[in-house]
Amino acid sequence: MQMKTINYRSLFWIFVLAMSMTSCELVGDIFSAGVYTGIFLVVFVVVIIIVVIARMGKKG
């Protein structure tokens, strides 16, 4: 079984970015990314539902 190697360069940059931001700013950015992701998912699901209903209406 082969072990995965750790990419230390990526870990370094994640650490640098985390330390350069204040905790409140980091939490705010994570929250806003979550909000936009949620909005995108809701719009996507609504569009899928509309497409399914429209296709069912054409068959009938």
C-alpha atoms as a PDB file:
ATOM      1  CA  MET A   1       0.000   0.000   0.000  1.00  0.00           C
ATOM      2  CA  GLN A   2       1.439   3.335  -1.045  1.00  0.00           C
ATOM      3  CA  MET A   3       1.222   6.292   1.307  1.00  0.00           C
ATOM      4  CA  LYS A   4       0.280   9.674  -0.066  1.00  0.00           C
ATOM      5  CA  THR A   5       2.971  12.290   0.106  1.00  0.00           C
ATOM      6  CA  ILE A   6       2.235  15.585   1.783  1.00  0.00           C
ATOM      7  CA  ASN A   7       2.652  18.665  -0.349  1.00  0.00           C
ATOM      8  CA  TYR A   8       4.463  20.907   2.130  1.00  0.00           C
ATOM      9  CA  ARG A   9       4.459  23.883  -0.232  1.00  0.00           C
ATOM     10  CA  SER A  10       0.648  23.946  -0.247  1.00  0.00           C
ATOM     11  CA  LEU A  11       0.514  23.586   3.517  1.00  0.00           C
ATOM     12  CA  PHE A  12       2.949  26.486   3.860  1.00  0.00           C
ATOM     13  CA  TRP A  13       0.815  28.803   1.722  1.00  0.00           C
ATOM     14  CA  ILE A  14      -2.377  27.807   3.522  1.00  0.00           C
ATOM     15  CA  PHE A  15      -0.645  28.592   6.814  1.00  0.00           C
ATOM     16  CA  VAL A  16       0.630  31.951   5.522  1.00  0.00           C
ATOM     17  CA  LEU A  17      -2.823  32.935   4.252  1.00  0.00           C
ATOM     18  CA  ALA A  18      -4.493  31.865   7.486  1.00  0.00           C
ATOM     19  CA  MET A  19      -2.041  33.856   9.590  1.00  0.00           C
ATOM     20  CA  SER A  20      -2.241  36.962   7.393  1.00  0.00           C
ATOM     21  CA  MET A  21      -5.997  37.316   7.875  1.00  0.00           C
ATOM     22  CA  THR A  22      -7.684  38.173  11.126  1.00  0.00           C
ATOM     23  CA  SER A  23     -10.004  35.517  12.474  1.00  0.00           C
ATOM     24  CA  CYS A  24     -13.108  37.641  11.962  1.00  0.00           C
ATOM     25  CA  GLU A  25     -12.167  38.366   8.366  1.00  0.00           C
ATOM     26  CA  LEU A  26     -11.521  34.683   7.720  1.00  0.00           C
ATOM     27  CA  VAL A  27     -14.861  33.646   9.218  1.00  0.00           C
ATOM     28  CA  GLY A  28     -16.625  36.360   7.226  1.00  0.00           C
ATOM     29  CA  ASP A  29     -15.045  35.204   3.969  1.00  0.00           C
ATOM     30  CA  ILE A  30     -15.965  31.588   4.672  1.00  0.00           C
ATOM     31  CA  PHE A  31     -19.529  32.603   5.522  1.00  0.00           C
ATOM     32  CA  SER A  32     -19.937  34.715   2.381  1.00  0.00           C
ATOM     33  CA  ALA A  33     -18.588  31.872   0.247  1.00  0.00           C
ATOM     34  CA  GLY A  34     -21.143  29.573   1.899  1.00  0.00           C
ATOM     35  CA  VAL A  35     -23.953  32.030   1.245  1.00  0.00           C
ATOM     36  CA  TYR A  36     -23.081  32.336  -2.437  1.00  0.00           C
ATOM     37  CA  THR A  37     -22.766  28.564  -2.745  1.00  0.00           C
ATOM     38  CA  GLY A  38     -26.179  28.132  -1.140  1.00  0.00           C
ATOM     39  CA  ILE A  39     -27.778  30.686  -3.450  1.00  0.00           C
ATOM     40  CA  PHE A  40     -26.231  28.975  -6.470  1.00  0.00           C
ATOM     41  CA  LEU A  41     -27.503  25.556  -5.357  1.00  0.00           C
ATOM     42  CA  VAL A  42     -31.041  26.841  -4.736  1.00  0.00           C
ATOM     43  CA  VAL A  43     -31.192  28.503  -8.163  1.00  0.00           C
ATOM     44  CA  PHE A  44     -29.793  25.342  -9.780  1.00  0.00           C
ATOM     45  CA  VAL A  45     -32.413  23.115  -8.115  1.00  0.00           C
ATOM     46  CA  VAL A  46     -35.248  25.492  -9.077  1.00  0.00           C
ATOM     47  CA  VAL A  47     -34.088  25.506 -12.717  1.00  0.00           C
ATOM     48  CA  ILE A  48     -33.920  21.681 -12.739  1.00  0.00           C
ATOM     49  CA  ILE A  49     -37.456  21.472 -11.321  1.00  0.00           C
ATOM     50  CA  ILE A  50     -38.762  23.906 -13.947  1.00  0.00           C
ATOM     51  CA  VAL A  51     -37.086  21.928 -16.749  1.00  0.00           C
ATOM     52  CA  VAL A  52     -38.547  18.637 -15.477  1.00  0.00           C
ATOM     53  CA  ILE A  53     -42.050  20.123 -15.196  1.00  0.00           C
ATOM     54  CA  ALA A  54     -41.767  21.665 -18.677  1.00  0.00           C
ATOM     55  CA  ARG A  55     -40.722  18.307 -20.201  1.00  0.00           C
ATOM     56  CA  MET A  56     -43.571  16.503 -18.442  1.00  0.00           C
ATOM     57  CA  GLY A  57     -46.011  19.086 -19.813  1.00  0.00           C
ATOM     58  CA  LYS A  58     -44.843  18.521 -23.407  1.00  0.00           C
ATOM     59  CA  LYS A  59     -45.422  14.750 -23.186  1.00  0.00           C
ATOM     60  CA  GLY A  60     -49.012  15.131 -21.985  1.00  0.00           C
END
